[in-house]
Amino acid sequence: MIKFAFMINRIDGMSSEEFVEHHRNRHVPLFTSIPEARRYVKKYTVSHPVSADGYPGPAYDGLTEIWFESWGDHDAFFASSNYKELVNPDESTFIDMDSVAVMVTEEMVVV
């Protein structure tokens, strides 16, 4: 299984609260509404920082993780017209696309 971790920041002028609201309540339902998400995506999570005493401020405003069974599934999902026409255009309305960092991993559960 291949996991994509997208570390994301909000666009200028958007508050943290607006970013989380949009990510959770607009983008997630949009992402999960397309049939390709059910067909190709094995797991999809979004995370947002919480404040914690003694820890520095977060380097990113959010984290999106998407698991695919194979590179072929990844390619089919991101090449689909539903992703390109519905989901992808929404991303730039709340994500600073120039600051996105991506890590592709094979996860190993230790505990």
PDB file of N, CA and C in Angstrom:
ATOM      1  N   MET A   1       0.848  -1.170   0.000  1.00  0.00           N
ATOM      2  CA  MET A   1       0.000   0.000   0.000  1.00  0.00           C
ATOM      3  C   MET A   1       0.897   1.238   0.000  1.00  0.00           C
ATOM      4  N   ILE A   2       0.478   2.255  -0.739  1.00  0.00           N
ATOM      5  CA  ILE A   2       1.246   3.489  -0.865  1.00  0.00           C
ATOM      6  C   ILE A   2       0.465   4.610  -0.181  1.00  0.00           C
ATOM      7  N   LYS A   3       1.151   5.368   0.668  1.00  0.00           N
ATOM      8  CA  LYS A   3       0.506   6.480   1.371  1.00  0.00           C
ATOM      9  C   LYS A   3       1.118   7.791   0.914  1.00  0.00           C
ATOM     10  N   PHE A   4       0.246   8.734   0.603  1.00  0.00           N
ATOM     11  CA  PHE A   4       0.656  10.095   0.257  1.00  0.00           C
ATOM     12  C   PHE A   4       0.296  11.002   1.417  1.00  0.00           C
ATOM     13  N   ALA A   5       1.278  11.721   1.926  1.00  0.00           N
ATOM     14  CA  ALA A   5       1.058  12.697   2.992  1.00  0.00           C
ATOM     15  C   ALA A   5       1.266  14.083   2.395  1.00  0.00           C
ATOM     16  N   PHE A   6       0.209  14.882   2.414  1.00  0.00           N
ATOM     17  CA  PHE A   6       0.256  16.246   1.887  1.00  0.00           C
ATOM     18  C   PHE A   6       0.217  17.212   3.071  1.00  0.00           C
ATOM     19  N   MET A   7       1.304  17.923   3.324  1.00  0.00           N
ATOM     20  CA  MET A   7       1.348  18.936   4.365  1.00  0.00           C
ATOM     21  C   MET A   7       0.937  20.244   3.703  1.00  0.00           C
ATOM     22  N   ILE A   8      -0.112  20.870   4.244  1.00  0.00           N
ATOM     23  CA  ILE A   8      -0.720  22.007   3.560  1.00  0.00           C
ATOM     24  C   ILE A   8      -0.853  23.224   4.477  1.00  0.00           C
ATOM     25  N   ASN A   9      -0.836  24.397   3.855  1.00  0.00           N
ATOM     26  CA  ASN A   9      -1.070  25.661   4.538  1.00  0.00           C
ATOM     27  C   ASN A   9      -2.253  26.367   3.898  1.00  0.00           C
ATOM     28  N   ARG A  10      -2.869  27.223   4.667  1.00  0.00           N
ATOM     29  CA  ARG A  10      -4.023  27.978   4.180  1.00  0.00           C
ATOM     30  C   ARG A  10      -3.569  29.152   3.301  1.00  0.00           C
ATOM     31  N   ILE A  11      -4.490  29.638   2.473  1.00  0.00           N
ATOM     32  CA  ILE A  11      -4.205  30.790   1.630  1.00  0.00           C
ATOM     33  C   ILE A  11      -4.143  32.050   2.489  1.00  0.00           C
ATOM     34  N   ASP A  12      -3.442  33.054   1.992  1.00  0.00           N
ATOM     35  CA  ASP A  12      -3.357  34.339   2.691  1.00  0.00           C
ATOM     36  C   ASP A  12      -4.751  34.914   2.887  1.00  0.00           C
ATOM     37  N   GLY A  13      -4.963  35.478   4.061  1.00  0.00           N
ATOM     38  CA  GLY A  13      -6.238  36.106   4.372  1.00  0.00           C
ATOM     39  C   GLY A  13      -7.275  35.178   4.958  1.00  0.00           C
ATOM     40  N   MET A  14      -6.999  33.889   5.029  1.00  0.00           N
ATOM     41  CA  MET A  14      -7.941  32.918   5.595  1.00  0.00           C
ATOM     42  C   MET A  14      -7.502  32.587   7.019  1.00  0.00           C
ATOM     43  N   SER A  15      -8.429  32.629   7.952  1.00  0.00           N
ATOM     44  CA  SER A  15      -8.105  32.283   9.340  1.00  0.00           C
ATOM     45  C   SER A  15      -7.959  30.770   9.486  1.00  0.00           C
ATOM     46  N   SER A  16      -7.321  30.351  10.552  1.00  0.00           N
ATOM     47  CA  SER A  16      -7.193  28.917  10.839  1.00  0.00           C
ATOM     48  C   SER A  16      -8.561  28.260  10.947  1.00  0.00           C
ATOM     49  N   GLU A  17      -9.479  28.950  11.598  1.00  0.00           N
ATOM     50  CA  GLU A  17     -10.822  28.404  11.773  1.00  0.00           C
ATOM     51  C   GLU A  17     -11.537  28.238  10.439  1.00  0.00           C
ATOM     52  N   GLU A  18     -11.408  29.229   9.551  1.00  0.00           N
ATOM     53  CA  GLU A  18     -12.023  29.139   8.225  1.00  0.00           C
ATOM     54  C   GLU A  18     -11.395  28.005   7.412  1.00  0.00           C
ATOM     55  N   PHE A  19     -10.080  27.848   7.546  1.00  0.00           N
ATOM     56  CA  PHE A  19      -9.371  26.787   6.836  1.00  0.00           C
ATOM     57  C   PHE A  19      -9.882  25.412   7.266  1.00  0.00           C
ATOM     58  N   VAL A  20      -9.933  25.180   8.568  1.00  0.00           N
ATOM     59  CA  VAL A  20     -10.391  23.886   9.084  1.00  0.00           C
ATOM     60  C   VAL A  20     -11.844  23.648   8.680  1.00  0.00           C
ATOM     61  N   GLU A  21     -12.675  24.671   8.789  1.00  0.00           N
ATOM     62  CA  GLU A  21     -14.087  24.554   8.403  1.00  0.00           C
ATOM     63  C   GLU A  21     -14.209  24.144   6.930  1.00  0.00           C
ATOM     64  N   HIS A  22     -13.479  24.812   6.069  1.00  0.00           N
ATOM     65  CA  HIS A  22     -13.555  24.492   4.642  1.00  0.00           C
ATOM     66  C   HIS A  22     -13.016  23.082   4.366  1.00  0.00           C
ATOM     67  N   HIS A  23     -11.879  22.774   4.962  1.00  0.00           N
ATOM     68  CA  HIS A  23     -11.257  21.474   4.720  1.00  0.00           C
ATOM     69  C   HIS A  23     -12.196  20.342   5.148  1.00  0.00           C
ATOM     70  N   ARG A  24     -12.713  20.422   6.358  1.00  0.00           N
ATOM     71  CA  ARG A  24     -13.544  19.340   6.905  1.00  0.00           C
ATOM     72  C   ARG A  24     -14.955  19.295   6.322  1.00  0.00           C
ATOM     73  N   ASN A  25     -15.558  20.461   6.140  1.00  0.00           N
ATOM     74  CA  ASN A  25     -16.988  20.497   5.828  1.00  0.00           C
ATOM     75  C   ASN A  25     -17.330  20.794   4.376  1.00  0.00           C
ATOM     76  N   ARG A  26     -16.346  21.184   3.577  1.00  0.00           N
ATOM     77  CA  ARG A  26     -16.593  21.375   2.151  1.00  0.00           C
ATOM     78  C   ARG A  26     -15.739  20.419   1.311  1.00  0.00           C
ATOM     79  N   HIS A  27     -14.424  20.442   1.558  1.00  0.00           N
ATOM     80  CA  HIS A  27     -13.542  19.656   0.708  1.00  0.00           C
ATOM     81  C   HIS A  27     -13.689  18.145   0.941  1.00  0.00           C
ATOM     82  N   VAL A  28     -13.731  17.720   2.182  1.00  0.00           N
ATOM     83  CA  VAL A  28     -13.863  16.286   2.463  1.00  0.00           C
ATOM     84  C   VAL A  28     -15.138  15.713   1.825  1.00  0.00           C
ATOM     85  N   PRO A  29     -16.309  16.328   2.023  1.00  0.00           N
ATOM     86  CA  PRO A  29     -17.497  15.768   1.360  1.00  0.00           C
ATOM     87  C   PRO A  29     -17.394  15.784  -0.170  1.00  0.00           C
ATOM     88  N   LEU A  30     -16.750  16.817  -0.714  1.00  0.00           N
ATOM     89  CA  LEU A  30     -16.555  16.878  -2.159  1.00  0.00           C
ATOM     90  C   LEU A  30     -15.665  15.732  -2.623  1.00  0.00           C
ATOM     91  N   PHE A  31     -14.544  15.535  -1.933  1.00  0.00           N
ATOM     92  CA  PHE A  31     -13.611  14.454  -2.262  1.00  0.00           C
ATOM     93  C   PHE A  31     -14.307  13.097  -2.202  1.00  0.00           C
ATOM     94  N   THR A  32     -15.022  12.849  -1.126  1.00  0.00           N
ATOM     95  CA  THR A  32     -15.642  11.531  -0.939  1.00  0.00           C
ATOM     96  C   THR A  32     -16.878  11.324  -1.805  1.00  0.00           C
ATOM     97  N   SER A  33     -17.392  12.389  -2.427  1.00  0.00           N
ATOM     98  CA  SER A  33     -18.597  12.257  -3.247  1.00  0.00           C
ATOM     99  C   SER A  33     -18.328  11.659  -4.626  1.00  0.00           C
ATOM    100  N   ILE A  34     -17.080  11.698  -5.068  1.00  0.00           N
ATOM    101  CA  ILE A  34     -16.825  11.184  -6.425  1.00  0.00           C
ATOM    102  C   ILE A  34     -16.631   9.663  -6.375  1.00  0.00           C
ATOM    103  N   PRO A  35     -17.140   8.957  -7.362  1.00  0.00           N
ATOM    104  CA  PRO A  35     -17.055   7.491  -7.346  1.00  0.00           C
ATOM    105  C   PRO A  35     -15.622   6.968  -7.319  1.00  0.00           C
ATOM    106  N   GLU A  36     -14.698   7.723  -7.889  1.00  0.00           N
ATOM    107  CA  GLU A  36     -13.299   7.296  -7.906  1.00  0.00           C
ATOM    108  C   GLU A  36     -12.705   7.212  -6.506  1.00  0.00           C
ATOM    109  N   ALA A  37     -13.212   8.001  -5.572  1.00  0.00           N
ATOM    110  CA  ALA A  37     -12.724   7.916  -4.190  1.00  0.00           C
ATOM    111  C   ALA A  37     -13.082   6.553  -3.600  1.00  0.00           C
ATOM    112  N   ARG A  38     -14.286   6.101  -3.860  1.00  0.00           N
ATOM    113  CA  ARG A  38     -14.693   4.780  -3.351  1.00  0.00           C
ATOM    114  C   ARG A  38     -13.986   3.654  -4.094  1.00  0.00           C
ATOM    115  N   ARG A  39     -13.672   3.877  -5.349  1.00  0.00           N
ATOM    116  CA  ARG A  39     -13.058   2.823  -6.155  1.00  0.00           C
ATOM    117  C   ARG A  39     -11.557   2.675  -5.900  1.00  0.00           C
ATOM    118  N   TYR A  40     -10.838   3.789  -5.802  1.00  0.00           N
ATOM    119  CA  TYR A  40      -9.375   3.735  -5.773  1.00  0.00           C
ATOM    120  C   TYR A  40      -8.734   4.054  -4.427  1.00  0.00           C
ATOM    121  N   VAL A  41      -9.404   4.823  -3.595  1.00  0.00           N
ATOM    122  CA  VAL A  41      -8.797   5.267  -2.331  1.00  0.00           C
ATOM    123  C   VAL A  41      -9.111   4.251  -1.238  1.00  0.00           C
ATOM    124  N   LYS A  42      -8.066   3.776  -0.568  1.00  0.00           N
ATOM    125  CA  LYS A  42      -8.244   2.786   0.497  1.00  0.00           C
ATOM    126  C   LYS A  42      -8.462   3.450   1.857  1.00  0.00           C
ATOM    127  N   LYS A  43      -7.863   4.627   2.039  1.00  0.00           N
ATOM    128  CA  LYS A  43      -8.030   5.363   3.290  1.00  0.00           C
ATOM    129  C   LYS A  43      -7.742   6.826   3.005  1.00  0.00           C
ATOM    130  N   TYR A  44      -8.499   7.715   3.681  1.00  0.00           N
ATOM    131  CA  TYR A  44      -8.362   9.156   3.470  1.00  0.00           C
ATOM    132  C   TYR A  44      -8.563   9.826   4.818  1.00  0.00           C
ATOM    133  N   THR A  45      -7.570  10.588   5.261  1.00  0.00           N
ATOM    134  CA  THR A  45      -7.697  11.281   6.537  1.00  0.00           C
ATOM    135  C   THR A  45      -7.277  12.734   6.374  1.00  0.00           C
ATOM    136  N   VAL A  46      -7.861  13.590   7.203  1.00  0.00           N
ATOM    137  CA  VAL A  46      -7.407  14.974   7.297  1.00  0.00           C
ATOM    138  C   VAL A  46      -7.154  15.261   8.771  1.00  0.00           C
ATOM    139  N   SER A  47      -6.100  16.022   9.032  1.00  0.00           N
ATOM    140  CA  SER A  47      -5.717  16.358  10.405  1.00  0.00           C
ATOM    141  C   SER A  47      -5.368  17.832  10.469  1.00  0.00           C
ATOM    142  N   HIS A  48      -5.609  18.406  11.655  1.00  0.00           N
ATOM    143  CA  HIS A  48      -5.299  19.813  11.880  1.00  0.00           C
ATOM    144  C   HIS A  48      -4.644  19.960  13.250  1.00  0.00           C
ATOM    145  N   PRO A  49      -3.724  20.908  13.381  1.00  0.00           N
ATOM    146  CA  PRO A  49      -2.992  21.063  14.647  1.00  0.00           C
ATOM    147  C   PRO A  49      -3.906  21.450  15.807  1.00  0.00           C
ATOM    148  N   VAL A  50      -3.512  20.999  16.966  1.00  0.00           N
ATOM    149  CA  VAL A  50      -4.136  21.439  18.208  1.00  0.00           C
ATOM    150  C   VAL A  50      -3.041  22.121  19.028  1.00  0.00           C
ATOM    151  N   SER A  51      -3.426  23.080  19.839  1.00  0.00           N
ATOM    152  CA  SER A  51      -2.412  23.764  20.640  1.00  0.00           C
ATOM    153  C   SER A  51      -2.018  22.879  21.809  1.00  0.00           C
ATOM    154  N   ALA A  52      -0.740  22.910  22.110  1.00  0.00           N
ATOM    155  CA  ALA A  52      -0.222  22.108  23.221  1.00  0.00           C
ATOM    156  C   ALA A  52       0.901  22.892  23.897  1.00  0.00           C
ATOM    157  N   ASP A  53       0.799  23.053  25.206  1.00  0.00           N
ATOM    158  CA  ASP A  53       1.832  23.759  25.946  1.00  0.00           C
ATOM    159  C   ASP A  53       3.176  23.077  25.781  1.00  0.00           C
ATOM    160  N   GLY A  54       4.199  23.893  25.571  1.00  0.00           N
ATOM    161  CA  GLY A  54       5.543  23.360  25.467  1.00  0.00           C
ATOM    162  C   GLY A  54       5.942  22.932  24.062  1.00  0.00           C
ATOM    163  N   TYR A  55       5.010  23.019  23.118  1.00  0.00           N
ATOM    164  CA  TYR A  55       5.325  22.646  21.737  1.00  0.00           C
ATOM    165  C   TYR A  55       5.320  23.900  20.874  1.00  0.00           C
ATOM    166  N   PRO A  56       6.239  23.963  19.923  1.00  0.00           N
ATOM    167  CA  PRO A  56       6.248  25.137  19.039  1.00  0.00           C
ATOM    168  C   PRO A  56       5.017  25.148  18.148  1.00  0.00           C
ATOM    169  N   GLY A  57       4.730  26.286  17.548  1.00  0.00           N
ATOM    170  CA  GLY A  57       3.608  26.373  16.620  1.00  0.00           C
ATOM    171  C   GLY A  57       3.814  25.430  15.451  1.00  0.00           C
ATOM    172  N   PRO A  58       2.740  25.007  14.824  1.00  0.00           N
ATOM    173  CA  PRO A  58       2.851  24.030  13.730  1.00  0.00           C
ATOM    174  C   PRO A  58       3.521  24.625  12.496  1.00  0.00           C
ATOM    175  N   ALA A  59       4.227  23.782  11.780  1.00  0.00           N
ATOM    176  CA  ALA A  59       4.857  24.190  10.526  1.00  0.00           C
ATOM    177  C   ALA A  59       3.828  24.228   9.395  1.00  0.00           C
ATOM    178  N   TYR A  60       2.733  23.498   9.556  1.00  0.00           N
ATOM    179  CA  TYR A  60       1.679  23.439   8.540  1.00  0.00           C
ATOM    180  C   TYR A  60       0.321  23.580   9.202  1.00  0.00           C
ATOM    181  N   ASP A  61      -0.657  24.014   8.411  1.00  0.00           N
ATOM    182  CA  ASP A  61      -2.023  24.180   8.912  1.00  0.00           C
ATOM    183  C   ASP A  61      -2.842  22.903   8.839  1.00  0.00           C
ATOM    184  N   GLY A  62      -2.375  21.941   8.065  1.00  0.00           N
ATOM    185  CA  GLY A  62      -3.133  20.708   7.941  1.00  0.00           C
ATOM    186  C   GLY A  62      -2.325  19.605   7.292  1.00  0.00           C
ATOM    187  N   LEU A  63      -2.860  18.416   7.398  1.00  0.00           N
ATOM    188  CA  LEU A  63      -2.250  17.225   6.832  1.00  0.00           C
ATOM    189  C   LEU A  63      -3.364  16.392   6.207  1.00  0.00           C
ATOM    190  N   THR A  64      -3.172  16.030   4.950  1.00  0.00           N
ATOM    191  CA  THR A  64      -4.085  15.111   4.277  1.00  0.00           C
ATOM    192  C   THR A  64      -3.299  13.861   3.927  1.00  0.00           C
ATOM    193  N   GLU A  65      -3.852  12.702   4.270  1.00  0.00           N
ATOM    194  CA  GLU A  65      -3.208  11.435   3.945  1.00  0.00           C
ATOM    195  C   GLU A  65      -4.164  10.618   3.079  1.00  0.00           C
ATOM    196  N   ILE A  66      -3.616  10.098   1.979  1.00  0.00           N
ATOM    197  CA  ILE A  66      -4.416   9.281   1.063  1.00  0.00           C
ATOM    198  C   ILE A  66      -3.650   8.003   0.772  1.00  0.00           C
ATOM    199  N   TRP A  67      -4.295   6.858   1.009  1.00  0.00           N
ATOM    200  CA  TRP A  67      -3.692   5.551   0.756  1.00  0.00           C
ATOM    201  C   TRP A  67      -4.275   4.966  -0.529  1.00  0.00           C
ATOM    202  N   PHE A  68      -3.387   4.398  -1.340  1.00  0.00           N
ATOM    203  CA  PHE A  68      -3.777   3.693  -2.557  1.00  0.00           C
ATOM    204  C   PHE A  68      -3.168   2.299  -2.519  1.00  0.00           C
ATOM    205  N   GLU A  69      -3.854   1.352  -3.113  1.00  0.00           N
ATOM    206  CA  GLU A  69      -3.344  -0.019  -3.197  1.00  0.00           C
ATOM    207  C   GLU A  69      -2.140  -0.099  -4.134  1.00  0.00           C
ATOM    208  N   SER A  70      -2.126   0.754  -5.173  1.00  0.00           N
ATOM    209  CA  SER A  70      -1.064   0.674  -6.172  1.00  0.00           C
ATOM    210  C   SER A  70      -0.870   2.035  -6.835  1.00  0.00           C
ATOM    211  N   TRP A  71       0.240   2.150  -7.581  1.00  0.00           N
ATOM    212  CA  TRP A  71       0.478   3.354  -8.368  1.00  0.00           C
ATOM    213  C   TRP A  71      -0.584   3.502  -9.450  1.00  0.00           C
ATOM    214  N   GLY A  72      -1.054   2.397  -9.972  1.00  0.00           N
ATOM    215  CA  GLY A  72      -2.102   2.442 -10.982  1.00  0.00           C
ATOM    216  C   GLY A  72      -3.380   3.070 -10.450  1.00  0.00           C
ATOM    217  N   ASP A  73      -3.752   2.709  -9.208  1.00  0.00           N
ATOM    218  CA  ASP A  73      -4.935   3.316  -8.579  1.00  0.00           C
ATOM    219  C   ASP A  73      -4.716   4.807  -8.359  1.00  0.00           C
ATOM    220  N   HIS A  74      -3.530   5.180  -7.903  1.00  0.00           N
ATOM    221  CA  HIS A  74      -3.182   6.593  -7.728  1.00  0.00           C
ATOM    222  C   HIS A  74      -3.363   7.341  -9.054  1.00  0.00           C
ATOM    223  N   ASP A  75      -2.780   6.799 -10.109  1.00  0.00           N
ATOM    224  CA  ASP A  75      -2.828   7.459 -11.412  1.00  0.00           C
ATOM    225  C   ASP A  75      -4.272   7.579 -11.914  1.00  0.00           C
ATOM    226  N   ALA A  76      -5.046   6.520 -11.755  1.00  0.00           N
ATOM    227  CA  ALA A  76      -6.436   6.529 -12.217  1.00  0.00           C
ATOM    228  C   ALA A  76      -7.263   7.555 -11.447  1.00  0.00           C
ATOM    229  N   PHE A  77      -7.043   7.654 -10.134  1.00  0.00           N
ATOM    230  CA  PHE A  77      -7.796   8.618  -9.329  1.00  0.00           C
ATOM    231  C   PHE A  77      -7.506  10.045  -9.774  1.00  0.00           C
ATOM    232  N   PHE A  78      -6.216  10.411  -9.813  1.00  0.00           N
ATOM    233  CA  PHE A  78      -5.852  11.790 -10.122  1.00  0.00           C
ATOM    234  C   PHE A  78      -6.067  12.146 -11.595  1.00  0.00           C
ATOM    235  N   ALA A  79      -6.182  11.155 -12.474  1.00  0.00           N
ATOM    236  CA  ALA A  79      -6.454  11.410 -13.892  1.00  0.00           C
ATOM    237  C   ALA A  79      -7.945  11.483 -14.196  1.00  0.00           C
ATOM    238  N   SER A  80      -8.781  11.100 -13.229  1.00  0.00           N
ATOM    239  CA  SER A  80     -10.219  11.049 -13.494  1.00  0.00           C
ATOM    240  C   SER A  80     -10.785  12.451 -13.721  1.00  0.00           C
ATOM    241  N   SER A  81     -11.771  12.523 -14.583  1.00  0.00           N
ATOM    242  CA  SER A  81     -12.394  13.820 -14.866  1.00  0.00           C
ATOM    243  C   SER A  81     -13.106  14.367 -13.630  1.00  0.00           C
ATOM    244  N   ASN A  82     -13.675  13.503 -12.796  1.00  0.00           N
ATOM    245  CA  ASN A  82     -14.325  13.982 -11.578  1.00  0.00           C
ATOM    246  C   ASN A  82     -13.337  14.664 -10.641  1.00  0.00           C
ATOM    247  N   TYR A  83     -12.146  14.067 -10.479  1.00  0.00           N
ATOM    248  CA  TYR A  83     -11.140  14.728  -9.651  1.00  0.00           C
ATOM    249  C   TYR A  83     -10.723  16.051 -10.285  1.00  0.00           C
ATOM    250  N   LYS A  84     -10.395  16.010 -11.569  1.00  0.00           N
ATOM    251  CA  LYS A  84      -9.886  17.209 -12.254  1.00  0.00           C
ATOM    252  C   LYS A  84     -10.909  18.338 -12.307  1.00  0.00           C
ATOM    253  N   GLU A  85     -12.181  18.008 -12.490  1.00  0.00           N
ATOM    254  CA  GLU A  85     -13.202  19.034 -12.686  1.00  0.00           C
ATOM    255  C   GLU A  85     -13.904  19.464 -11.402  1.00  0.00           C
ATOM    256  N   LEU A  86     -13.959  18.594 -10.390  1.00  0.00           N
ATOM    257  CA  LEU A  86     -14.702  18.907  -9.176  1.00  0.00           C
ATOM    258  C   LEU A  86     -13.807  19.143  -7.957  1.00  0.00           C
ATOM    259  N   VAL A  87     -12.913  18.221  -7.698  1.00  0.00           N
ATOM    260  CA  VAL A  87     -12.118  18.260  -6.463  1.00  0.00           C
ATOM    261  C   VAL A  87     -10.918  19.193  -6.590  1.00  0.00           C
ATOM    262  N   ASN A  88     -10.136  19.011  -7.631  1.00  0.00           N
ATOM    263  CA  ASN A  88      -8.916  19.802  -7.795  1.00  0.00           C
ATOM    264  C   ASN A  88      -9.156  21.309  -7.788  1.00  0.00           C
ATOM    265  N   PRO A  89     -10.173  21.836  -8.486  1.00  0.00           N
ATOM    266  CA  PRO A  89     -10.380  23.288  -8.456  1.00  0.00           C
ATOM    267  C   PRO A  89     -10.654  23.844  -7.056  1.00  0.00           C
ATOM    268  N   ASP A  90     -11.264  23.042  -6.198  1.00  0.00           N
ATOM    269  CA  ASP A  90     -11.555  23.501  -4.836  1.00  0.00           C
ATOM    270  C   ASP A  90     -10.286  23.658  -4.015  1.00  0.00           C
ATOM    271  N   GLU A  91      -9.259  22.887  -4.296  1.00  0.00           N
ATOM    272  CA  GLU A  91      -8.043  22.900  -3.480  1.00  0.00           C
ATOM    273  C   GLU A  91      -7.408  24.280  -3.409  1.00  0.00           C
ATOM    274  N   SER A  92      -7.342  24.975  -4.519  1.00  0.00           N
ATOM    275  CA  SER A  92      -6.695  26.289  -4.515  1.00  0.00           C
ATOM    276  C   SER A  92      -7.550  27.380  -3.870  1.00  0.00           C
ATOM    277  N   THR A  93      -8.801  27.071  -3.519  1.00  0.00           N
ATOM    278  CA  THR A  93      -9.640  28.069  -2.843  1.00  0.00           C
ATOM    279  C   THR A  93      -9.336  28.169  -1.357  1.00  0.00           C
ATOM    280  N   PHE A  94      -8.599  27.182  -0.821  1.00  0.00           N
ATOM    281  CA  PHE A  94      -8.250  27.249   0.606  1.00  0.00           C
ATOM    282  C   PHE A  94      -6.821  26.827   0.905  1.00  0.00           C
ATOM    283  N   ILE A  95      -6.130  26.196  -0.039  1.00  0.00           N
ATOM    284  CA  ILE A  95      -4.753  25.721   0.160  1.00  0.00           C
ATOM    285  C   ILE A  95      -3.782  26.613  -0.606  1.00  0.00           C
ATOM    286  N   ASP A  96      -2.708  27.018   0.067  1.00  0.00           N
ATOM    287  CA  ASP A  96      -1.610  27.715  -0.595  1.00  0.00           C
ATOM    288  C   ASP A  96      -0.817  26.654  -1.354  1.00  0.00           C
ATOM    289  N   MET A  97      -1.117  26.507  -2.634  1.00  0.00           N
ATOM    290  CA  MET A  97      -0.558  25.412  -3.425  1.00  0.00           C
ATOM    291  C   MET A  97       0.968  25.500  -3.562  1.00  0.00           C
ATOM    292  N   ASP A  98       1.533  26.698  -3.456  1.00  0.00           N
ATOM    293  CA  ASP A  98       2.987  26.857  -3.576  1.00  0.00           C
ATOM    294  C   ASP A  98       3.743  26.338  -2.354  1.00  0.00           C
ATOM    295  N   SER A  99       3.040  26.151  -1.238  1.00  0.00           N
ATOM    296  CA  SER A  99       3.717  25.707  -0.018  1.00  0.00           C
ATOM    297  C   SER A  99       3.471  24.237   0.322  1.00  0.00           C
ATOM    298  N   VAL A 100       2.749  23.520  -0.525  1.00  0.00           N
ATOM    299  CA  VAL A 100       2.423  22.118  -0.253  1.00  0.00           C
ATOM    300  C   VAL A 100       3.700  21.272  -0.283  1.00  0.00           C
ATOM    301  N   ALA A 101       3.851  20.446   0.741  1.00  0.00           N
ATOM    302  CA  ALA A 101       4.940  19.469   0.785  1.00  0.00           C
ATOM    303  C   ALA A 101       4.312  18.087   0.722  1.00  0.00           C
ATOM    304  N   VAL A 102       4.920  17.192  -0.042  1.00  0.00           N
ATOM    305  CA  VAL A 102       4.365  15.849  -0.234  1.00  0.00           C
ATOM    306  C   VAL A 102       5.422  14.816   0.129  1.00  0.00           C
ATOM    307  N   MET A 103       4.984  13.794   0.839  1.00  0.00           N
ATOM    308  CA  MET A 103       5.851  12.656   1.127  1.00  0.00           C
ATOM    309  C   MET A 103       5.094  11.397   0.719  1.00  0.00           C
ATOM    310  N   VAL A 104       5.756  10.565  -0.066  1.00  0.00           N
ATOM    311  CA  VAL A 104       5.184   9.277  -0.474  1.00  0.00           C
ATOM    312  C   VAL A 104       5.867   8.209   0.367  1.00  0.00           C
ATOM    313  N   THR A 105       5.053   7.378   1.028  1.00  0.00           N
ATOM    314  CA  THR A 105       5.623   6.409   1.959  1.00  0.00           C
ATOM    315  C   THR A 105       4.959   5.043   1.817  1.00  0.00           C
ATOM    316  N   GLU A 106       5.651   4.050   2.351  1.00  0.00           N
ATOM    317  CA  GLU A 106       5.046   2.753   2.635  1.00  0.00           C
ATOM    318  C   GLU A 106       5.050   2.658   4.140  1.00  0.00           C
ATOM    319  N   GLU A 107       3.872   2.626   4.723  1.00  0.00           N
ATOM    320  CA  GLU A 107       3.744   2.668   6.163  1.00  0.00           C
ATOM    321  C   GLU A 107       4.052   1.313   6.784  1.00  0.00           C
ATOM    322  N   MET A 108       4.770   1.350   7.909  1.00  0.00           N
ATOM    323  CA  MET A 108       5.028   0.153   8.683  1.00  0.00           C
ATOM    324  C   MET A 108       4.486   0.396  10.111  1.00  0.00           C
ATOM    325  N   VAL A 109       3.459  -0.309  10.482  1.00  0.00           N
ATOM    326  CA  VAL A 109       2.897  -0.177  11.819  1.00  0.00           C
ATOM    327  C   VAL A 109       3.821  -0.884  12.798  1.00  0.00           C
ATOM    328  N   VAL A 110       4.230  -0.154  13.846  1.00  0.00           N
ATOM    329  CA  VAL A 110       5.174  -0.692  14.827  1.00  0.00           C
ATOM    330  C   VAL A 110       4.434  -1.105  16.095  1.00  0.00           C
ATOM    331  N   VAL A 111       3.525  -0.289  16.572  1.00  0.00           N
ATOM    332  CA  VAL A 111       2.770  -0.622  17.780  1.00  0.00           C
ATOM    333  C   VAL A 111       1.295  -0.586  17.433  1.00  0.00           C
TER     334      VAL A 111
END
